[in-house]
Amino acid sequence: MIMSMGTVVKTKDFTKSRAFYEALGFVITFEIGPDKEIKSGQDRVVIFGSETGGQFELTDAHPAIKPGVFQEDISSSKISMMFKVDTLADIIARARAIGVEPAVPVRHYYYGTLEVVFKDPDGMVIVFIEPYTEESAKKLGASEEFGKPPAK
């Protein structure tokens, strides 16, 4: 049985990426680094967690991964991270406070969600999801392009 799951983001610029995620409100639950209590050579690792048990790791090195991987650009949106949030307005405000605009503005999806897309400093696609309410959709100026089920 799967007890939990997570994602590892291999970043080019650890400091910039860490600051990005912290500015969006992600909470660090664990750290490894040369200046931390738990040391691992020059590797720097932070794990961001949630109250529901989901987590993702941000790192700039790992002994089992070729160093060149960390310098590769993410040029595809084939893989993305999705996070359920209480309110998209808070995420959007936090992003704008650090000069980051949505890659895809808020959209209403017919299956009951409002979603906004950002890209992190490495180009990773991050989707934030809020349950749909008409009030929130209007407040956020959500596109209704996908608000109705596709015709059969």
N, C-alpha and C. Protein backbone atom coordinates (compact mmCIF):
# COMPACT_ATOMS: atom_id res chain seq x y z
N MET A 1 0.83 -1.17 0.00
CA MET A 1 0.00 0.00 0.00
C MET A 1 0.88 1.24 0.00
N ILE A 2 0.54 2.20 -0.82
CA ILE A 2 1.28 3.46 -0.86
C ILE A 2 0.85 4.30 0.33
N MET A 3 1.82 4.71 1.13
CA MET A 3 1.53 5.47 2.34
C MET A 3 1.60 6.98 2.12
N SER A 4 2.42 7.40 1.20
CA SER A 4 2.59 8.81 0.91
C SER A 4 3.28 8.91 -0.43
N MET A 5 3.39 10.11 -0.95
CA MET A 5 4.13 10.28 -2.19
C MET A 5 4.76 11.65 -2.21
N GLY A 6 5.74 11.79 -3.08
CA GLY A 6 6.43 13.06 -3.17
C GLY A 6 7.11 13.19 -4.51
N THR A 7 7.73 14.33 -4.70
CA THR A 7 8.43 14.66 -5.94
C THR A 7 9.77 15.27 -5.58
N VAL A 8 10.78 15.00 -6.39
CA VAL A 8 12.09 15.64 -6.21
C VAL A 8 12.30 16.61 -7.37
N VAL A 9 12.56 17.86 -7.04
CA VAL A 9 12.86 18.88 -8.05
C VAL A 9 14.36 19.14 -7.98
N LYS A 10 15.04 18.83 -9.08
CA LYS A 10 16.49 19.02 -9.17
C LYS A 10 16.72 20.40 -9.77
N THR A 11 17.21 21.32 -8.98
CA THR A 11 17.27 22.72 -9.39
C THR A 11 18.67 23.19 -9.75
N LYS A 12 18.72 24.14 -10.70
CA LYS A 12 19.99 24.77 -11.08
C LYS A 12 20.44 25.74 -10.00
N ASP A 13 19.52 26.56 -9.53
CA ASP A 13 19.84 27.62 -8.57
C ASP A 13 19.03 27.38 -7.30
N PHE A 14 19.63 26.65 -6.38
CA PHE A 14 18.96 26.24 -5.15
C PHE A 14 18.42 27.44 -4.38
N THR A 15 19.24 28.47 -4.21
CA THR A 15 18.84 29.63 -3.41
C THR A 15 17.64 30.34 -4.02
N LYS A 16 17.67 30.54 -5.32
CA LYS A 16 16.57 31.21 -6.02
C LYS A 16 15.28 30.37 -5.94
N SER A 17 15.40 29.07 -6.17
CA SER A 17 14.23 28.20 -6.13
C SER A 17 13.65 28.09 -4.73
N ARG A 18 14.52 27.97 -3.75
CA ARG A 18 14.05 27.90 -2.37
C ARG A 18 13.27 29.17 -2.01
N ALA A 19 13.82 30.32 -2.35
CA ALA A 19 13.16 31.59 -2.06
C ALA A 19 11.81 31.68 -2.77
N PHE A 20 11.73 31.19 -4.00
CA PHE A 20 10.48 31.19 -4.78
C PHE A 20 9.40 30.40 -4.05
N TYR A 21 9.71 29.16 -3.67
CA TYR A 21 8.71 28.31 -3.01
C TYR A 21 8.34 28.84 -1.63
N GLU A 22 9.31 29.33 -0.89
CA GLU A 22 8.99 29.90 0.43
C GLU A 22 8.10 31.13 0.28
N ALA A 23 8.36 31.96 -0.73
CA ALA A 23 7.53 33.15 -0.95
C ALA A 23 6.09 32.79 -1.28
N LEU A 24 5.89 31.63 -1.91
CA LEU A 24 4.53 31.19 -2.23
C LEU A 24 3.83 30.55 -1.03
N GLY A 25 4.55 30.41 0.09
CA GLY A 25 3.93 29.90 1.31
C GLY A 25 4.23 28.44 1.63
N PHE A 26 5.13 27.81 0.88
CA PHE A 26 5.49 26.43 1.18
C PHE A 26 6.29 26.40 2.48
N VAL A 27 6.05 25.38 3.28
CA VAL A 27 6.68 25.26 4.60
C VAL A 27 7.74 24.16 4.58
N ILE A 28 8.95 24.50 5.02
CA ILE A 28 10.04 23.52 5.09
C ILE A 28 9.83 22.63 6.31
N THR A 29 9.89 21.32 6.07
CA THR A 29 9.73 20.37 7.17
C THR A 29 11.02 19.63 7.50
N PHE A 30 12.04 19.74 6.60
CA PHE A 30 13.29 19.02 6.81
C PHE A 30 14.36 19.65 5.94
N GLU A 31 15.61 19.70 6.45
CA GLU A 31 16.73 20.26 5.69
C GLU A 31 18.00 19.45 5.88
N ILE A 32 18.79 19.39 4.82
CA ILE A 32 20.13 18.81 4.85
C ILE A 32 21.04 19.80 4.16
N GLY A 33 22.26 19.96 4.65
CA GLY A 33 23.20 20.84 3.97
C GLY A 33 24.48 20.99 4.75
N PRO A 34 25.49 21.57 4.11
CA PRO A 34 26.79 21.70 4.76
C PRO A 34 26.75 22.55 6.03
N ASP A 35 25.77 23.45 6.13
CA ASP A 35 25.66 24.30 7.32
C ASP A 35 24.47 23.92 8.21
N LYS A 36 23.92 22.72 7.99
CA LYS A 36 22.75 22.26 8.76
C LYS A 36 23.16 21.17 9.74
N GLU A 37 22.24 20.85 10.64
CA GLU A 37 22.51 19.80 11.63
C GLU A 37 22.82 18.47 10.95
N ILE A 38 22.05 18.15 9.91
CA ILE A 38 22.31 16.93 9.14
C ILE A 38 23.09 17.35 7.90
N LYS A 39 24.30 16.81 7.77
CA LYS A 39 25.20 17.20 6.69
C LYS A 39 25.26 16.11 5.62
N SER A 40 25.49 16.53 4.38
CA SER A 40 25.61 15.59 3.28
C SER A 40 26.54 16.20 2.24
N GLY A 41 27.82 16.29 2.56
CA GLY A 41 28.78 16.91 1.64
C GLY A 41 28.35 18.33 1.34
N GLN A 42 28.33 18.68 0.06
CA GLN A 42 27.88 20.02 -0.34
C GLN A 42 26.43 20.02 -0.80
N ASP A 43 25.76 18.86 -0.75
CA ASP A 43 24.36 18.79 -1.15
C ASP A 43 23.51 19.69 -0.26
N ARG A 44 22.56 20.37 -0.89
CA ARG A 44 21.57 21.12 -0.13
C ARG A 44 20.20 20.56 -0.48
N VAL A 45 19.44 20.27 0.55
CA VAL A 45 18.12 19.67 0.37
C VAL A 45 17.15 20.33 1.32
N VAL A 46 15.98 20.70 0.82
CA VAL A 46 14.88 21.09 1.68
C VAL A 46 13.68 20.26 1.26
N ILE A 47 12.90 19.87 2.24
CA ILE A 47 11.66 19.16 1.96
C ILE A 47 10.52 20.05 2.42
N PHE A 48 9.65 20.35 1.49
CA PHE A 48 8.46 21.12 1.78
C PHE A 48 7.32 20.13 2.01
N GLY A 49 6.56 20.32 3.07
CA GLY A 49 5.49 19.39 3.38
C GLY A 49 4.16 20.09 3.53
N SER A 50 3.12 19.28 3.65
CA SER A 50 1.78 19.80 3.86
C SER A 50 1.14 19.06 5.03
N GLU A 51 0.05 19.61 5.51
CA GLU A 51 -0.65 18.99 6.64
C GLU A 51 -1.23 17.63 6.28
N THR A 52 -1.42 17.36 5.00
CA THR A 52 -2.03 16.11 4.58
C THR A 52 -1.00 15.04 4.22
N GLY A 53 0.28 15.34 4.37
CA GLY A 53 1.30 14.32 4.15
C GLY A 53 2.02 14.38 2.82
N GLY A 54 1.54 15.17 1.88
CA GLY A 54 2.25 15.30 0.61
C GLY A 54 3.53 16.09 0.83
N GLN A 55 4.52 15.84 0.00
CA GLN A 55 5.77 16.58 0.14
C GLN A 55 6.52 16.61 -1.17
N PHE A 56 7.42 17.61 -1.28
CA PHE A 56 8.36 17.57 -2.37
C PHE A 56 9.70 18.08 -1.89
N GLU A 57 10.73 17.56 -2.53
CA GLU A 57 12.11 17.84 -2.16
C GLU A 57 12.73 18.73 -3.21
N LEU A 58 13.44 19.74 -2.76
CA LEU A 58 14.19 20.63 -3.63
C LEU A 58 15.66 20.39 -3.32
N THR A 59 16.47 20.10 -4.35
CA THR A 59 17.88 19.80 -4.11
C THR A 59 18.74 20.28 -5.28
N ASP A 60 20.00 20.53 -4.97
CA ASP A 60 20.93 20.94 -6.02
C ASP A 60 22.03 19.92 -6.26
N ALA A 61 21.96 18.79 -5.58
CA ALA A 61 22.94 17.73 -5.78
C ALA A 61 22.45 16.45 -5.09
N HIS A 62 22.94 15.33 -5.57
CA HIS A 62 22.63 14.04 -4.95
C HIS A 62 23.70 13.06 -5.40
N PRO A 63 24.25 12.28 -4.48
CA PRO A 63 25.35 11.39 -4.87
C PRO A 63 24.97 10.34 -5.92
N ALA A 64 23.70 10.02 -6.05
CA ALA A 64 23.29 8.99 -7.01
C ALA A 64 22.86 9.58 -8.36
N ILE A 65 22.94 10.91 -8.51
CA ILE A 65 22.48 11.55 -9.75
C ILE A 65 23.65 12.30 -10.38
N LYS A 66 23.83 12.12 -11.66
CA LYS A 66 24.92 12.81 -12.37
C LYS A 66 24.75 14.32 -12.22
N PRO A 67 25.84 15.02 -11.89
CA PRO A 67 25.76 16.47 -11.65
C PRO A 67 25.14 17.27 -12.80
N GLY A 68 25.37 16.86 -14.02
CA GLY A 68 24.84 17.59 -15.18
C GLY A 68 23.33 17.69 -15.20
N VAL A 69 22.65 16.74 -14.58
CA VAL A 69 21.19 16.75 -14.55
C VAL A 69 20.66 18.03 -13.92
N PHE A 70 21.35 18.51 -12.92
CA PHE A 70 20.89 19.70 -12.20
C PHE A 70 21.01 20.97 -13.03
N GLN A 71 21.81 20.94 -14.09
CA GLN A 71 21.98 22.12 -14.94
C GLN A 71 21.08 22.09 -16.17
N GLU A 72 20.36 20.99 -16.38
CA GLU A 72 19.49 20.88 -17.55
C GLU A 72 18.27 21.78 -17.39
N ASP A 73 17.85 22.37 -18.50
CA ASP A 73 16.63 23.16 -18.51
C ASP A 73 15.42 22.24 -18.56
N ILE A 74 14.34 22.70 -17.95
CA ILE A 74 13.07 21.99 -18.09
C ILE A 74 12.36 22.71 -19.23
N SER A 75 12.24 22.03 -20.36
CA SER A 75 11.68 22.68 -21.54
C SER A 75 10.34 22.09 -21.96
N SER A 76 9.80 21.21 -21.14
CA SER A 76 8.53 20.57 -21.47
C SER A 76 7.58 20.69 -20.29
N SER A 77 6.31 20.76 -20.57
CA SER A 77 5.31 20.78 -19.50
C SER A 77 4.69 19.39 -19.34
N LYS A 78 5.41 18.37 -19.83
CA LYS A 78 4.90 17.00 -19.76
C LYS A 78 4.68 16.56 -18.32
N ILE A 79 5.53 17.02 -17.42
CA ILE A 79 5.35 16.70 -16.00
C ILE A 79 5.14 18.01 -15.27
N SER A 80 4.14 18.01 -14.38
CA SER A 80 3.88 19.21 -13.59
C SER A 80 3.53 18.79 -12.17
N MET A 81 3.60 19.75 -11.26
CA MET A 81 3.19 19.49 -9.88
C MET A 81 1.86 20.19 -9.66
N MET A 82 1.00 19.56 -8.89
CA MET A 82 -0.31 20.12 -8.60
C MET A 82 -0.49 20.22 -7.10
N PHE A 83 -1.02 21.37 -6.66
CA PHE A 83 -1.23 21.60 -5.23
C PHE A 83 -2.63 22.14 -5.01
N LYS A 84 -3.38 21.48 -4.15
CA LYS A 84 -4.69 21.98 -3.74
C LYS A 84 -4.46 23.04 -2.68
N VAL A 85 -5.15 24.18 -2.83
CA VAL A 85 -5.00 25.28 -1.88
C VAL A 85 -6.38 25.77 -1.44
N ASP A 86 -6.39 26.51 -0.32
CA ASP A 86 -7.65 27.09 0.16
C ASP A 86 -8.14 28.16 -0.79
N THR A 87 -7.20 28.98 -1.25
CA THR A 87 -7.57 30.10 -2.10
C THR A 87 -6.48 30.44 -3.10
N LEU A 88 -6.86 30.58 -4.34
CA LEU A 88 -5.90 30.97 -5.37
C LEU A 88 -5.49 32.43 -5.20
N ALA A 89 -6.38 33.24 -4.66
CA ALA A 89 -6.08 34.67 -4.49
C ALA A 89 -4.80 34.86 -3.67
N ASP A 90 -4.62 34.06 -2.62
CA ASP A 90 -3.43 34.17 -1.79
C ASP A 90 -2.17 33.81 -2.57
N ILE A 91 -2.22 32.71 -3.33
CA ILE A 91 -1.06 32.28 -4.12
C ILE A 91 -0.71 33.34 -5.16
N ILE A 92 -1.72 33.87 -5.84
CA ILE A 92 -1.48 34.88 -6.87
C ILE A 92 -0.87 36.13 -6.25
N ALA A 93 -1.38 36.55 -5.12
CA ALA A 93 -0.83 37.73 -4.44
C ALA A 93 0.62 37.50 -4.01
N ARG A 94 0.91 36.32 -3.48
CA ARG A 94 2.28 36.01 -3.06
C ARG A 94 3.23 36.01 -4.27
N ALA A 95 2.78 35.43 -5.38
CA ALA A 95 3.61 35.38 -6.59
C ALA A 95 3.87 36.79 -7.12
N ARG A 96 2.84 37.59 -7.18
CA ARG A 96 3.00 38.96 -7.70
C ARG A 96 3.92 39.79 -6.80
N ALA A 97 3.90 39.50 -5.50
CA ALA A 97 4.77 40.23 -4.56
C ALA A 97 6.25 40.00 -4.87
N ILE A 98 6.57 38.89 -5.53
CA ILE A 98 7.97 38.62 -5.91
C ILE A 98 8.18 38.79 -7.42
N GLY A 99 7.19 39.43 -8.08
CA GLY A 99 7.34 39.75 -9.50
C GLY A 99 7.04 38.61 -10.44
N VAL A 100 6.26 37.62 -10.00
CA VAL A 100 5.95 36.47 -10.84
C VAL A 100 4.46 36.51 -11.22
N GLU A 101 4.20 36.44 -12.52
CA GLU A 101 2.83 36.41 -13.03
C GLU A 101 2.48 34.99 -13.45
N PRO A 102 1.19 34.65 -13.45
CA PRO A 102 0.79 33.31 -13.90
C PRO A 102 1.24 33.03 -15.33
N ALA A 103 1.65 31.80 -15.59
CA ALA A 103 1.94 31.36 -16.96
C ALA A 103 0.63 31.14 -17.70
N VAL A 104 -0.38 30.68 -16.97
CA VAL A 104 -1.74 30.52 -17.49
C VAL A 104 -2.67 31.11 -16.43
N PRO A 105 -3.48 32.10 -16.81
CA PRO A 105 -4.36 32.72 -15.81
C PRO A 105 -5.42 31.77 -15.28
N VAL A 106 -6.15 32.21 -14.29
CA VAL A 106 -7.15 31.37 -13.63
C VAL A 106 -8.21 30.92 -14.64
N ARG A 107 -8.48 29.62 -14.59
CA ARG A 107 -9.51 29.01 -15.44
C ARG A 107 -10.47 28.22 -14.57
N HIS A 108 -11.74 28.24 -14.96
CA HIS A 108 -12.75 27.38 -14.33
C HIS A 108 -12.85 26.12 -15.18
N TYR A 109 -12.76 24.98 -14.54
CA TYR A 109 -12.93 23.70 -15.23
C TYR A 109 -14.26 23.09 -14.82
N TYR A 110 -14.96 22.52 -15.78
CA TYR A 110 -16.32 22.02 -15.57
C TYR A 110 -16.42 20.95 -14.49
N TYR A 111 -15.33 20.33 -14.14
CA TYR A 111 -15.38 19.28 -13.11
C TYR A 111 -15.24 19.85 -11.70
N GLY A 112 -15.36 21.17 -11.55
CA GLY A 112 -15.47 21.76 -10.23
C GLY A 112 -14.23 22.39 -9.64
N THR A 113 -13.31 22.85 -10.49
CA THR A 113 -12.11 23.47 -9.95
C THR A 113 -11.83 24.81 -10.62
N LEU A 114 -11.08 25.63 -9.90
CA LEU A 114 -10.44 26.82 -10.45
C LEU A 114 -8.95 26.51 -10.40
N GLU A 115 -8.23 26.80 -11.48
CA GLU A 115 -6.81 26.45 -11.54
C GLU A 115 -6.00 27.60 -12.14
N VAL A 116 -4.80 27.80 -11.58
CA VAL A 116 -3.86 28.78 -12.11
C VAL A 116 -2.50 28.09 -12.23
N VAL A 117 -1.75 28.47 -13.26
CA VAL A 117 -0.47 27.83 -13.54
C VAL A 117 0.67 28.85 -13.43
N PHE A 118 1.73 28.43 -12.75
CA PHE A 118 2.97 29.20 -12.68
C PHE A 118 4.11 28.31 -13.14
N LYS A 119 5.25 28.91 -13.42
CA LYS A 119 6.48 28.15 -13.67
C LYS A 119 7.50 28.58 -12.63
N ASP A 120 8.21 27.60 -12.07
CA ASP A 120 9.22 27.93 -11.07
C ASP A 120 10.49 28.41 -11.78
N PRO A 121 11.53 28.81 -11.04
CA PRO A 121 12.74 29.35 -11.69
C PRO A 121 13.41 28.40 -12.69
N ASP A 122 13.17 27.09 -12.56
CA ASP A 122 13.75 26.13 -13.52
C ASP A 122 12.80 25.81 -14.67
N GLY A 123 11.59 26.35 -14.64
CA GLY A 123 10.62 26.08 -15.69
C GLY A 123 9.63 24.99 -15.36
N MET A 124 9.68 24.44 -14.14
CA MET A 124 8.72 23.41 -13.73
C MET A 124 7.32 24.02 -13.68
N VAL A 125 6.36 23.34 -14.30
CA VAL A 125 4.98 23.79 -14.30
C VAL A 125 4.35 23.43 -12.95
N ILE A 126 3.75 24.45 -12.32
CA ILE A 126 3.10 24.26 -11.03
C ILE A 126 1.66 24.71 -11.16
N VAL A 127 0.73 23.80 -10.87
CA VAL A 127 -0.70 24.10 -10.96
C VAL A 127 -1.26 24.18 -9.55
N PHE A 128 -1.92 25.29 -9.26
CA PHE A 128 -2.60 25.46 -7.97
C PHE A 128 -4.10 25.33 -8.22
N ILE A 129 -4.77 24.58 -7.35
CA ILE A 129 -6.17 24.23 -7.55
C ILE A 129 -6.99 24.62 -6.33
N GLU A 130 -8.11 25.28 -6.60
CA GLU A 130 -9.07 25.65 -5.56
C GLU A 130 -10.43 25.09 -5.98
N PRO A 131 -11.23 24.59 -5.04
CA PRO A 131 -12.58 24.16 -5.41
C PRO A 131 -13.37 25.34 -6.00
N TYR A 132 -14.15 25.08 -7.03
CA TYR A 132 -14.90 26.13 -7.72
C TYR A 132 -16.02 26.70 -6.85
N THR A 133 -16.09 28.02 -6.81
CA THR A 133 -17.28 28.73 -6.35
C THR A 133 -17.48 29.87 -7.33
N GLU A 134 -18.71 30.20 -7.60
CA GLU A 134 -19.01 31.28 -8.54
C GLU A 134 -18.41 32.59 -8.04
N GLU A 135 -18.50 32.82 -6.74
CA GLU A 135 -17.96 34.04 -6.14
C GLU A 135 -16.45 34.17 -6.38
N SER A 136 -15.73 33.10 -6.12
CA SER A 136 -14.28 33.12 -6.31
C SER A 136 -13.92 33.28 -7.79
N ALA A 137 -14.65 32.58 -8.65
CA ALA A 137 -14.39 32.67 -10.10
C ALA A 137 -14.54 34.11 -10.57
N LYS A 138 -15.57 34.79 -10.12
CA LYS A 138 -15.79 36.19 -10.52
C LYS A 138 -14.69 37.08 -9.95
N LYS A 139 -14.37 36.89 -8.67
CA LYS A 139 -13.35 37.71 -8.02
C LYS A 139 -11.99 37.58 -8.72
N LEU A 140 -11.67 36.36 -9.16
CA LEU A 140 -10.38 36.09 -9.80
C LEU A 140 -10.40 36.35 -11.31
N GLY A 141 -11.58 36.64 -11.86
CA GLY A 141 -11.68 36.85 -13.30
C GLY A 141 -11.39 35.59 -14.09
N ALA A 142 -11.87 34.46 -13.59
CA ALA A 142 -11.58 33.17 -14.20
C ALA A 142 -12.15 33.05 -15.62
N SER A 143 -11.35 32.51 -16.49
CA SER A 143 -11.80 32.20 -17.84
C SER A 143 -12.82 31.06 -17.76
N GLU A 144 -13.86 31.15 -18.57
CA GLU A 144 -14.88 30.10 -18.61
C GLU A 144 -14.71 29.20 -19.84
N GLU A 145 -13.56 29.32 -20.49
CA GLU A 145 -13.29 28.55 -21.71
C GLU A 145 -13.51 27.04 -21.52
N PHE A 146 -13.17 26.54 -20.31
CA PHE A 146 -13.33 25.11 -20.04
C PHE A 146 -14.39 24.85 -18.97
N GLY A 147 -15.29 25.81 -18.80
CA GLY A 147 -16.32 25.72 -17.76
C GLY A 147 -17.47 24.80 -18.08
N LYS A 148 -17.61 24.40 -19.32
CA LYS A 148 -18.69 23.48 -19.72
C LYS A 148 -18.10 22.18 -20.22
N PRO A 149 -18.76 21.06 -19.94
CA PRO A 149 -18.24 19.77 -20.44
C PRO A 149 -18.15 19.77 -21.96
N PRO A 150 -17.18 19.04 -22.49
CA PRO A 150 -17.07 18.95 -23.96
C PRO A 150 -18.33 18.32 -24.55
N ALA A 151 -18.68 18.75 -25.74
CA ALA A 151 -19.84 18.16 -26.43
C ALA A 151 -19.54 16.71 -26.77
N LYS A 152 -20.54 15.90 -26.63
CA LYS A 152 -20.35 14.46 -26.93
C LYS A 152 -20.61 14.16 -28.37
